[in-house]
Amino acid sequence: MQRGRILALGLGLLATLAARATAQSVAGIVMESRTGRPIEGARVVVQGTPTEMRTDGRGRFAFTGQSGSQVTLAVSFVGFRPLTQVVRVGDTDVRLQMTELAVNLGELVVTGTPQAVEKRTLGNSTATVHAADQQQFAPSPDVSGLINSRAPGVVVIPGTGQVGSGPRIRIRGANSFSLTDQPL
């Protein structure tokens, strides 16, 4: 009877150790390579899995339940070059250093979702109006005049002159089957 309990405890301990060996943590900090300051809000993804998170106010991240001997972390943040790094599972002091990148903000599209989306990966039609070029060719005193008739399907109707009213921007033409003609 005593032997059975010891055997059961031994097997239980062995199973617990095996589970810990197969599922471990990966944690660390995302920082700027030039200054060493932590980056808050960077997106960290364990490649090959749906596991992702944002870094906290101190640039820290932590993934639990990782298996295998190593995982590939992919980090992205607007204004920095995307980073991919292979790290050892069980390492809780990973330092991911991102380098700044001059971003052409015209290539990022705000879609109403929490993240900016690269224009080439967007499934919707978009138009680009190069403000500097247009101002040299035909100067405009405001943004509504700048985009009027320069983006396909966009028409700017001047304001009424009442206090607080501005121009009305209409997209998709006057008759849209299921969507309004007023952008957000």
N, C-alpha and C. Protein backbone atom coordinates (compact mmCIF):
# COMPACT_ATOMS: atom_id res chain seq x y z
N MET A 1 0.82 -1.19 0.00
CA MET A 1 0.00 0.00 0.00
C MET A 1 0.87 1.25 0.00
N GLN A 2 1.89 1.27 0.86
CA GLN A 2 2.80 2.40 0.95
C GLN A 2 3.55 2.56 -0.38
N ARG A 3 3.96 1.43 -0.95
CA ARG A 3 4.68 1.46 -2.21
C ARG A 3 3.82 2.07 -3.33
N GLY A 4 2.53 1.76 -3.32
CA GLY A 4 1.60 2.29 -4.33
C GLY A 4 1.49 3.80 -4.25
N ARG A 5 1.45 4.33 -3.03
CA ARG A 5 1.37 5.79 -2.85
C ARG A 5 2.65 6.47 -3.34
N ILE A 6 3.77 5.88 -3.00
CA ILE A 6 5.04 6.47 -3.44
C ILE A 6 5.14 6.43 -4.96
N LEU A 7 4.71 5.33 -5.55
CA LEU A 7 4.73 5.20 -7.00
C LEU A 7 3.80 6.22 -7.64
N ALA A 8 2.60 6.39 -7.06
CA ALA A 8 1.64 7.36 -7.59
C ALA A 8 2.18 8.79 -7.46
N LEU A 9 2.77 9.12 -6.31
CA LEU A 9 3.37 10.45 -6.14
C LEU A 9 4.51 10.67 -7.12
N GLY A 10 5.32 9.65 -7.31
CA GLY A 10 6.44 9.75 -8.25
C GLY A 10 5.96 9.97 -9.67
N LEU A 11 4.93 9.24 -10.08
CA LEU A 11 4.38 9.42 -11.43
C LEU A 11 3.74 10.79 -11.58
N GLY A 12 3.05 11.26 -10.54
CA GLY A 12 2.45 12.59 -10.58
C GLY A 12 3.50 13.67 -10.71
N LEU A 13 4.59 13.54 -9.95
CA LEU A 13 5.69 14.50 -10.03
C LEU A 13 6.33 14.47 -11.40
N LEU A 14 6.51 13.30 -11.95
CA LEU A 14 7.10 13.14 -13.27
C LEU A 14 6.22 13.78 -14.34
N ALA A 15 4.90 13.60 -14.23
CA ALA A 15 3.96 14.20 -15.19
C ALA A 15 4.00 15.72 -15.09
N THR A 16 4.08 16.25 -13.87
CA THR A 16 4.16 17.70 -13.68
C THR A 16 5.43 18.26 -14.29
N LEU A 17 6.54 17.62 -14.07
CA LEU A 17 7.81 18.07 -14.65
C LEU A 17 7.79 17.99 -16.16
N ALA A 18 7.19 16.93 -16.70
CA ALA A 18 7.09 16.79 -18.16
C ALA A 18 6.22 17.90 -18.74
N ALA A 19 5.12 18.25 -18.07
CA ALA A 19 4.25 19.32 -18.55
C ALA A 19 4.97 20.66 -18.52
N ARG A 20 5.76 20.89 -17.48
CA ARG A 20 6.53 22.14 -17.40
C ARG A 20 7.60 22.19 -18.47
N ALA A 21 8.18 21.06 -18.79
CA ALA A 21 9.23 21.02 -19.80
C ALA A 21 8.66 21.26 -21.18
N THR A 22 7.41 20.85 -21.43
CA THR A 22 6.83 21.01 -22.75
C THR A 22 6.11 22.35 -22.91
N ALA A 23 5.71 23.02 -21.86
CA ALA A 23 5.01 24.30 -21.95
C ALA A 23 5.69 25.30 -21.02
N GLN A 24 6.45 26.23 -21.61
CA GLN A 24 7.19 27.20 -20.81
C GLN A 24 6.86 28.61 -21.26
N SER A 25 7.49 29.56 -20.58
CA SER A 25 7.26 30.97 -20.87
C SER A 25 8.38 31.56 -21.72
N VAL A 26 8.02 32.62 -22.42
CA VAL A 26 8.98 33.48 -23.12
C VAL A 26 8.58 34.90 -22.74
N ALA A 27 9.49 35.67 -22.20
CA ALA A 27 9.18 37.03 -21.76
C ALA A 27 10.37 37.93 -22.01
N GLY A 28 10.11 39.22 -22.06
CA GLY A 28 11.20 40.16 -22.26
C GLY A 28 10.71 41.58 -22.43
N ILE A 29 11.52 42.38 -23.12
CA ILE A 29 11.25 43.80 -23.29
C ILE A 29 11.56 44.19 -24.73
N VAL A 30 10.74 45.10 -25.27
CA VAL A 30 10.96 45.67 -26.60
C VAL A 30 11.44 47.09 -26.38
N MET A 31 12.57 47.44 -27.00
CA MET A 31 13.15 48.77 -26.78
C MET A 31 13.71 49.36 -28.06
N GLU A 32 13.95 50.67 -28.02
CA GLU A 32 14.59 51.37 -29.14
C GLU A 32 16.07 51.01 -29.13
N SER A 33 16.62 50.70 -30.29
CA SER A 33 18.03 50.31 -30.33
C SER A 33 18.96 51.50 -30.08
N ARG A 34 18.54 52.70 -30.49
CA ARG A 34 19.40 53.87 -30.36
C ARG A 34 19.46 54.40 -28.94
N THR A 35 18.30 54.48 -28.27
CA THR A 35 18.25 55.10 -26.94
C THR A 35 18.09 54.09 -25.81
N GLY A 36 17.62 52.89 -26.11
CA GLY A 36 17.39 51.90 -25.08
C GLY A 36 16.10 52.09 -24.32
N ARG A 37 15.27 53.05 -24.76
CA ARG A 37 13.99 53.28 -24.10
C ARG A 37 12.98 52.21 -24.48
N PRO A 38 12.13 51.79 -23.54
CA PRO A 38 11.11 50.77 -23.85
C PRO A 38 10.06 51.33 -24.80
N ILE A 39 9.49 50.46 -25.62
CA ILE A 39 8.45 50.85 -26.57
C ILE A 39 7.12 50.30 -26.08
N GLU A 40 6.21 51.19 -25.76
CA GLU A 40 4.88 50.81 -25.29
C GLU A 40 3.96 50.59 -26.49
N GLY A 41 3.18 49.52 -26.47
CA GLY A 41 2.18 49.27 -27.51
C GLY A 41 2.70 48.55 -28.74
N ALA A 42 3.94 48.05 -28.71
CA ALA A 42 4.46 47.30 -29.85
C ALA A 42 3.72 45.96 -29.93
N ARG A 43 3.46 45.50 -31.14
CA ARG A 43 2.75 44.24 -31.36
C ARG A 43 3.78 43.12 -31.45
N VAL A 44 3.66 42.13 -30.55
CA VAL A 44 4.58 40.99 -30.51
C VAL A 44 3.76 39.73 -30.84
N VAL A 45 4.24 38.96 -31.82
CA VAL A 45 3.53 37.77 -32.28
C VAL A 45 4.46 36.58 -32.22
N VAL A 46 3.95 35.44 -31.76
CA VAL A 46 4.69 34.18 -31.86
C VAL A 46 4.31 33.61 -33.22
N GLN A 47 5.27 33.62 -34.16
CA GLN A 47 4.97 33.19 -35.52
C GLN A 47 4.53 31.73 -35.55
N GLY A 48 3.57 31.46 -36.44
CA GLY A 48 3.05 30.11 -36.58
C GLY A 48 1.92 29.80 -35.61
N THR A 49 1.56 30.77 -34.77
CA THR A 49 0.46 30.59 -33.82
C THR A 49 -0.41 31.85 -33.85
N PRO A 50 -1.62 31.77 -33.35
CA PRO A 50 -2.45 32.98 -33.27
C PRO A 50 -2.12 33.83 -32.04
N THR A 51 -1.06 33.47 -31.32
CA THR A 51 -0.69 34.15 -30.09
C THR A 51 -0.03 35.49 -30.39
N GLU A 52 -0.61 36.56 -29.86
CA GLU A 52 -0.02 37.89 -30.01
C GLU A 52 -0.42 38.75 -28.84
N MET A 53 0.34 39.81 -28.61
CA MET A 53 0.03 40.75 -27.53
C MET A 53 0.70 42.09 -27.81
N ARG A 54 0.32 43.10 -27.04
CA ARG A 54 0.93 44.43 -27.09
C ARG A 54 1.81 44.59 -25.86
N THR A 55 2.91 45.29 -26.01
CA THR A 55 3.79 45.53 -24.86
C THR A 55 3.12 46.52 -23.91
N ASP A 56 3.46 46.40 -22.63
CA ASP A 56 2.87 47.29 -21.62
C ASP A 56 3.64 48.62 -21.58
N GLY A 57 3.35 49.44 -20.60
CA GLY A 57 3.96 50.76 -20.47
C GLY A 57 5.47 50.73 -20.27
N ARG A 58 6.00 49.59 -19.85
CA ARG A 58 7.44 49.44 -19.67
C ARG A 58 8.07 48.64 -20.80
N GLY A 59 7.30 48.41 -21.89
CA GLY A 59 7.81 47.69 -23.04
C GLY A 59 7.89 46.19 -22.85
N ARG A 60 7.25 45.68 -21.80
CA ARG A 60 7.37 44.26 -21.47
C ARG A 60 6.27 43.42 -22.13
N PHE A 61 6.60 42.17 -22.39
CA PHE A 61 5.66 41.19 -22.91
C PHE A 61 5.97 39.85 -22.26
N ALA A 62 4.99 38.94 -22.26
CA ALA A 62 5.19 37.59 -21.72
C ALA A 62 4.21 36.64 -22.38
N PHE A 63 4.72 35.54 -22.87
CA PHE A 63 3.90 34.47 -23.44
C PHE A 63 4.10 33.24 -22.58
N THR A 64 3.01 32.60 -22.19
CA THR A 64 3.10 31.37 -21.42
C THR A 64 2.60 30.22 -22.28
N GLY A 65 2.92 29.02 -21.86
CA GLY A 65 2.42 27.85 -22.56
C GLY A 65 3.11 27.57 -23.88
N GLN A 66 4.35 28.00 -24.03
CA GLN A 66 5.10 27.76 -25.28
C GLN A 66 5.77 26.39 -25.19
N SER A 67 5.79 25.69 -26.30
CA SER A 67 6.42 24.37 -26.32
C SER A 67 7.54 24.36 -27.34
N GLY A 68 8.33 23.33 -27.29
CA GLY A 68 9.48 23.23 -28.19
C GLY A 68 10.70 23.87 -27.56
N SER A 69 11.79 23.90 -28.32
CA SER A 69 13.02 24.47 -27.79
C SER A 69 13.19 25.94 -28.12
N GLN A 70 12.52 26.40 -29.21
CA GLN A 70 12.63 27.81 -29.58
C GLN A 70 11.38 28.25 -30.33
N VAL A 71 11.13 29.55 -30.31
CA VAL A 71 10.02 30.15 -31.04
C VAL A 71 10.55 31.37 -31.79
N THR A 72 9.82 31.79 -32.81
CA THR A 72 10.18 32.99 -33.57
C THR A 72 9.21 34.09 -33.19
N LEU A 73 9.74 35.21 -32.69
CA LEU A 73 8.93 36.36 -32.33
C LEU A 73 9.02 37.40 -33.44
N ALA A 74 7.89 37.94 -33.81
CA ALA A 74 7.83 39.03 -34.79
C ALA A 74 7.28 40.26 -34.09
N VAL A 75 7.99 41.38 -34.19
CA VAL A 75 7.60 42.61 -33.51
C VAL A 75 7.39 43.69 -34.55
N SER A 76 6.30 44.47 -34.39
CA SER A 76 6.06 45.59 -35.30
C SER A 76 5.49 46.76 -34.52
N PHE A 77 5.83 47.95 -34.99
CA PHE A 77 5.33 49.18 -34.39
C PHE A 77 5.55 50.29 -35.41
N VAL A 78 4.57 51.18 -35.56
CA VAL A 78 4.66 52.27 -36.53
C VAL A 78 5.87 53.14 -36.21
N GLY A 79 6.68 53.41 -37.22
CA GLY A 79 7.87 54.23 -37.05
C GLY A 79 9.13 53.43 -36.82
N PHE A 80 9.00 52.08 -36.76
CA PHE A 80 10.15 51.22 -36.53
C PHE A 80 10.17 50.10 -37.57
N ARG A 81 11.36 49.66 -37.91
CA ARG A 81 11.54 48.56 -38.83
C ARG A 81 11.03 47.27 -38.18
N PRO A 82 10.18 46.48 -38.87
CA PRO A 82 9.71 45.21 -38.29
C PRO A 82 10.90 44.32 -37.92
N LEU A 83 10.75 43.56 -36.85
CA LEU A 83 11.84 42.74 -36.32
C LEU A 83 11.35 41.31 -36.14
N THR A 84 12.17 40.36 -36.57
CA THR A 84 11.89 38.94 -36.35
C THR A 84 13.11 38.35 -35.68
N GLN A 85 12.89 37.63 -34.58
CA GLN A 85 14.02 37.05 -33.84
C GLN A 85 13.63 35.70 -33.26
N VAL A 86 14.54 34.74 -33.40
CA VAL A 86 14.35 33.41 -32.82
C VAL A 86 14.88 33.45 -31.39
N VAL A 87 14.04 32.99 -30.43
CA VAL A 87 14.44 32.99 -29.02
C VAL A 87 14.22 31.60 -28.44
N ARG A 88 14.94 31.31 -27.38
CA ARG A 88 14.85 30.04 -26.69
C ARG A 88 13.63 30.02 -25.78
N VAL A 89 12.85 28.95 -25.84
CA VAL A 89 11.70 28.80 -24.94
C VAL A 89 12.23 28.65 -23.52
N GLY A 90 11.65 29.37 -22.59
CA GLY A 90 12.11 29.37 -21.21
C GLY A 90 12.91 30.61 -20.88
N ASP A 91 13.34 31.36 -21.91
CA ASP A 91 14.10 32.59 -21.69
C ASP A 91 13.12 33.69 -21.31
N THR A 92 13.28 34.25 -20.13
CA THR A 92 12.38 35.30 -19.65
C THR A 92 13.06 36.66 -19.59
N ASP A 93 14.22 36.79 -20.24
CA ASP A 93 14.93 38.06 -20.27
C ASP A 93 15.32 38.41 -21.71
N VAL A 94 14.37 38.27 -22.64
CA VAL A 94 14.61 38.55 -24.05
C VAL A 94 14.64 40.06 -24.25
N ARG A 95 15.62 40.55 -25.00
CA ARG A 95 15.72 41.98 -25.30
C ARG A 95 15.60 42.14 -26.81
N LEU A 96 14.49 42.71 -27.26
CA LEU A 96 14.25 42.92 -28.67
C LEU A 96 14.45 44.40 -28.97
N GLN A 97 15.47 44.70 -29.78
CA GLN A 97 15.80 46.09 -30.07
C GLN A 97 15.36 46.45 -31.47
N MET A 98 14.47 47.46 -31.55
CA MET A 98 13.92 47.90 -32.83
C MET A 98 14.63 49.17 -33.29
N THR A 99 14.87 49.25 -34.59
CA THR A 99 15.50 50.45 -35.16
C THR A 99 14.44 51.32 -35.80
N GLU A 100 14.64 52.63 -35.68
CA GLU A 100 13.69 53.57 -36.25
C GLU A 100 13.70 53.48 -37.76
N LEU A 101 12.56 53.82 -38.35
CA LEU A 101 12.39 53.77 -39.79
C LEU A 101 11.62 55.00 -40.21
N ALA A 102 12.17 55.70 -41.19
CA ALA A 102 11.43 56.85 -41.72
C ALA A 102 10.22 56.29 -42.46
N VAL A 103 9.04 56.60 -41.95
CA VAL A 103 7.81 56.04 -42.51
C VAL A 103 7.15 57.05 -43.42
N ASN A 104 6.78 56.57 -44.59
CA ASN A 104 5.97 57.38 -45.48
C ASN A 104 4.53 57.18 -45.05
N LEU A 105 3.98 58.13 -44.30
CA LEU A 105 2.65 57.95 -43.74
C LEU A 105 1.58 57.81 -44.80
N GLY A 106 1.89 58.19 -46.03
CA GLY A 106 0.96 58.00 -47.12
C GLY A 106 0.74 56.53 -47.43
N GLU A 107 1.63 55.67 -46.98
CA GLU A 107 1.51 54.25 -47.23
C GLU A 107 0.74 53.52 -46.14
N LEU A 108 0.39 54.21 -45.07
CA LEU A 108 -0.42 53.62 -44.01
C LEU A 108 -1.84 54.14 -44.16
N VAL A 109 -2.82 53.26 -43.97
CA VAL A 109 -4.21 53.63 -44.14
C VAL A 109 -4.93 53.41 -42.82
N VAL A 110 -5.66 54.42 -42.38
CA VAL A 110 -6.45 54.30 -41.17
C VAL A 110 -7.81 53.77 -41.59
N THR A 111 -8.21 52.61 -41.02
CA THR A 111 -9.43 51.94 -41.46
C THR A 111 -10.53 51.93 -40.42
N GLY A 112 -10.29 52.48 -39.27
CA GLY A 112 -11.28 52.41 -38.19
C GLY A 112 -11.05 51.22 -37.28
N THR A 113 -10.04 50.41 -37.59
CA THR A 113 -9.66 49.30 -36.72
C THR A 113 -8.54 49.77 -35.82
N PRO A 114 -8.19 49.03 -34.77
CA PRO A 114 -7.19 49.52 -33.82
C PRO A 114 -5.78 49.68 -34.38
N GLN A 115 -5.49 49.13 -35.55
CA GLN A 115 -4.13 49.18 -36.07
C GLN A 115 -4.11 49.85 -37.43
N ALA A 116 -2.99 50.45 -37.75
CA ALA A 116 -2.80 50.96 -39.11
C ALA A 116 -2.56 49.76 -40.01
N VAL A 117 -2.98 49.87 -41.26
CA VAL A 117 -2.85 48.77 -42.21
C VAL A 117 -2.03 49.26 -43.39
N GLU A 118 -1.11 48.41 -43.86
CA GLU A 118 -0.34 48.78 -45.04
C GLU A 118 -1.27 48.81 -46.24
N LYS A 119 -1.08 49.80 -47.11
CA LYS A 119 -1.96 50.00 -48.25
C LYS A 119 -2.01 48.78 -49.16
N ARG A 120 -0.87 48.12 -49.34
CA ARG A 120 -0.84 46.98 -50.26
C ARG A 120 -1.61 45.77 -49.74
N THR A 121 -1.86 45.69 -48.42
CA THR A 121 -2.60 44.55 -47.87
C THR A 121 -4.08 44.86 -47.67
N LEU A 122 -4.50 46.06 -47.97
CA LEU A 122 -5.88 46.47 -47.77
C LEU A 122 -6.73 45.97 -48.93
N GLY A 123 -7.88 45.42 -48.64
CA GLY A 123 -8.76 44.90 -49.68
C GLY A 123 -9.66 45.94 -50.30
N ASN A 124 -9.65 47.16 -49.78
CA ASN A 124 -10.53 48.21 -50.29
C ASN A 124 -9.79 49.11 -51.28
N SER A 125 -10.56 49.83 -52.06
CA SER A 125 -9.99 50.80 -52.99
C SER A 125 -9.60 52.05 -52.21
N THR A 126 -8.41 52.55 -52.46
CA THR A 126 -7.96 53.78 -51.82
C THR A 126 -7.41 54.72 -52.87
N ALA A 127 -7.39 55.98 -52.55
CA ALA A 127 -6.82 56.98 -53.46
C ALA A 127 -5.79 57.79 -52.70
N THR A 128 -4.76 58.23 -53.39
CA THR A 128 -3.71 59.04 -52.79
C THR A 128 -3.70 60.40 -53.46
N VAL A 129 -3.73 61.45 -52.65
CA VAL A 129 -3.61 62.81 -53.15
C VAL A 129 -2.32 63.37 -52.58
N HIS A 130 -1.37 63.67 -53.43
CA HIS A 130 -0.09 64.23 -52.99
C HIS A 130 -0.26 65.74 -52.82
N ALA A 131 -0.41 66.16 -51.57
CA ALA A 131 -0.74 67.55 -51.26
C ALA A 131 0.29 68.52 -51.79
N ALA A 132 1.58 68.23 -51.62
CA ALA A 132 2.62 69.17 -52.07
C ALA A 132 2.57 69.38 -53.57
N ASP A 133 2.39 68.29 -54.32
CA ASP A 133 2.30 68.41 -55.78
C ASP A 133 1.08 69.21 -56.20
N GLN A 134 -0.06 68.95 -55.56
CA GLN A 134 -1.30 69.64 -55.91
C GLN A 134 -1.22 71.13 -55.56
N GLN A 135 -0.57 71.46 -54.46
CA GLN A 135 -0.46 72.86 -54.07
C GLN A 135 0.40 73.65 -55.05
N GLN A 136 1.40 73.00 -55.63
CA GLN A 136 2.22 73.68 -56.63
C GLN A 136 1.45 73.89 -57.93
N PHE A 137 0.63 72.91 -58.29
CA PHE A 137 -0.11 72.96 -59.54
C PHE A 137 -1.34 73.86 -59.44
N ALA A 138 -2.16 73.64 -58.41
CA ALA A 138 -3.39 74.42 -58.22
C ALA A 138 -3.59 74.62 -56.72
N PRO A 139 -3.09 75.71 -56.15
CA PRO A 139 -3.18 75.93 -54.70
C PRO A 139 -4.62 75.91 -54.19
N SER A 140 -4.78 75.35 -52.98
CA SER A 140 -6.09 75.28 -52.35
C SER A 140 -5.96 75.81 -50.92
N PRO A 141 -6.93 76.59 -50.45
CA PRO A 141 -6.82 77.16 -49.11
C PRO A 141 -7.13 76.18 -47.98
N ASP A 142 -7.78 75.06 -48.27
CA ASP A 142 -8.13 74.10 -47.22
C ASP A 142 -8.12 72.67 -47.75
N VAL A 143 -8.29 71.73 -46.84
CA VAL A 143 -8.24 70.31 -47.19
C VAL A 143 -9.39 69.91 -48.09
N SER A 144 -10.58 70.45 -47.84
CA SER A 144 -11.72 70.07 -48.67
C SER A 144 -11.50 70.46 -50.13
N GLY A 145 -10.89 71.61 -50.36
CA GLY A 145 -10.58 72.01 -51.73
C GLY A 145 -9.48 71.16 -52.33
N LEU A 146 -8.59 70.68 -51.48
CA LEU A 146 -7.48 69.85 -51.95
C LEU A 146 -7.95 68.49 -52.46
N ILE A 147 -8.92 67.87 -51.79
CA ILE A 147 -9.35 66.53 -52.21
C ILE A 147 -10.52 66.55 -53.19
N ASN A 148 -11.19 67.69 -53.36
CA ASN A 148 -12.34 67.76 -54.25
C ASN A 148 -11.96 67.37 -55.67
N SER A 149 -12.59 66.35 -56.18
CA SER A 149 -12.42 65.85 -57.54
C SER A 149 -11.03 65.31 -57.84
N ARG A 150 -10.19 65.14 -56.84
CA ARG A 150 -8.86 64.56 -57.07
C ARG A 150 -8.78 63.10 -56.65
N ALA A 151 -9.78 62.65 -55.91
CA ALA A 151 -9.89 61.25 -55.54
C ALA A 151 -11.16 60.71 -56.20
N PRO A 152 -11.06 59.59 -56.91
CA PRO A 152 -12.24 59.07 -57.62
C PRO A 152 -13.42 58.83 -56.68
N GLY A 153 -14.59 59.32 -57.08
CA GLY A 153 -15.79 59.09 -56.29
C GLY A 153 -15.97 60.04 -55.13
N VAL A 154 -15.08 61.01 -54.95
CA VAL A 154 -15.17 61.95 -53.83
C VAL A 154 -15.55 63.33 -54.36
N VAL A 155 -16.63 63.87 -53.79
CA VAL A 155 -17.09 65.21 -54.16
C VAL A 155 -17.26 66.01 -52.89
N VAL A 156 -16.73 67.23 -52.87
CA VAL A 156 -16.86 68.10 -51.72
C VAL A 156 -17.86 69.19 -52.05
N ILE A 157 -18.92 69.27 -51.25
CA ILE A 157 -19.96 70.28 -51.44
C ILE A 157 -19.71 71.38 -50.42
N PRO A 158 -19.57 72.64 -50.87
CA PRO A 158 -19.25 73.73 -49.94
C PRO A 158 -20.27 73.85 -48.81
N GLY A 159 -19.80 74.36 -47.68
CA GLY A 159 -20.65 74.55 -46.50
C GLY A 159 -21.71 75.60 -46.74
N THR A 160 -22.68 75.66 -45.82
CA THR A 160 -23.81 76.57 -45.96
C THR A 160 -23.52 77.97 -45.42
N GLY A 161 -22.46 78.10 -44.65
CA GLY A 161 -22.14 79.39 -44.06
C GLY A 161 -22.67 79.54 -42.66
N GLN A 162 -23.41 78.56 -42.16
CA GLN A 162 -23.91 78.62 -40.79
C GLN A 162 -22.77 78.33 -39.82
N VAL A 163 -22.89 78.84 -38.62
CA VAL A 163 -21.88 78.64 -37.61
C VAL A 163 -21.74 77.15 -37.31
N GLY A 164 -20.51 76.66 -37.32
CA GLY A 164 -20.23 75.26 -37.02
C GLY A 164 -20.40 74.31 -38.18
N SER A 165 -20.86 74.80 -39.30
CA SER A 165 -21.03 73.90 -40.45
C SER A 165 -19.79 73.99 -41.34
N GLY A 166 -19.45 72.89 -41.91
CA GLY A 166 -18.33 72.83 -42.82
C GLY A 166 -18.77 72.22 -44.12
N PRO A 167 -17.83 71.96 -44.98
CA PRO A 167 -18.19 71.35 -46.25
C PRO A 167 -18.69 69.92 -46.05
N ARG A 168 -19.51 69.46 -46.97
CA ARG A 168 -20.04 68.10 -46.93
C ARG A 168 -19.22 67.27 -47.92
N ILE A 169 -18.65 66.16 -47.43
CA ILE A 169 -17.85 65.29 -48.29
C ILE A 169 -18.71 64.09 -48.65
N ARG A 170 -18.88 63.87 -49.95
CA ARG A 170 -19.72 62.76 -50.41
C ARG A 170 -18.86 61.76 -51.18
N ILE A 171 -19.03 60.48 -50.83
CA ILE A 171 -18.31 59.42 -51.53
C ILE A 171 -19.31 58.42 -52.08
N ARG A 172 -18.88 57.58 -52.99
CA ARG A 172 -19.69 56.52 -53.58
C ARG A 172 -20.85 57.04 -54.42
N GLY A 173 -20.83 58.29 -54.81
CA GLY A 173 -21.91 58.82 -55.64
C GLY A 173 -23.16 59.11 -54.82
N ALA A 174 -24.19 59.61 -55.50
CA ALA A 174 -25.43 60.00 -54.81
C ALA A 174 -26.27 58.79 -54.44
N ASN A 175 -26.16 57.71 -55.20
CA ASN A 175 -26.98 56.53 -54.95
C ASN A 175 -26.09 55.34 -54.64
N SER A 176 -26.08 54.93 -53.41
CA SER A 176 -25.35 53.74 -53.00
C SER A 176 -26.38 52.73 -52.51
N PHE A 177 -26.25 51.50 -52.93
CA PHE A 177 -27.24 50.48 -52.60
C PHE A 177 -27.36 50.23 -51.10
N SER A 178 -26.21 50.04 -50.42
CA SER A 178 -26.31 49.66 -49.02
C SER A 178 -25.56 50.57 -48.06
N LEU A 179 -24.75 51.47 -48.56
CA LEU A 179 -23.93 52.30 -47.68
C LEU A 179 -24.29 53.77 -47.83
N THR A 180 -24.05 54.52 -46.78
CA THR A 180 -24.28 55.95 -46.84
C THR A 180 -23.21 56.63 -47.67
N ASP A 181 -23.49 57.80 -48.15
CA ASP A 181 -22.51 58.53 -48.95
C ASP A 181 -21.66 59.47 -48.09
N GLN A 182 -21.81 59.37 -46.77
CA GLN A 182 -21.03 60.20 -45.85
C GLN A 182 -19.92 59.38 -45.20
N PRO A 183 -18.65 59.76 -45.36
CA PRO A 183 -17.57 59.02 -44.69
C PRO A 183 -17.59 59.30 -43.18
N LEU A 184 -16.82 58.54 -42.44
CA LEU A 184 -16.80 58.71 -40.98
C LEU A 184 -16.41 60.10 -40.58
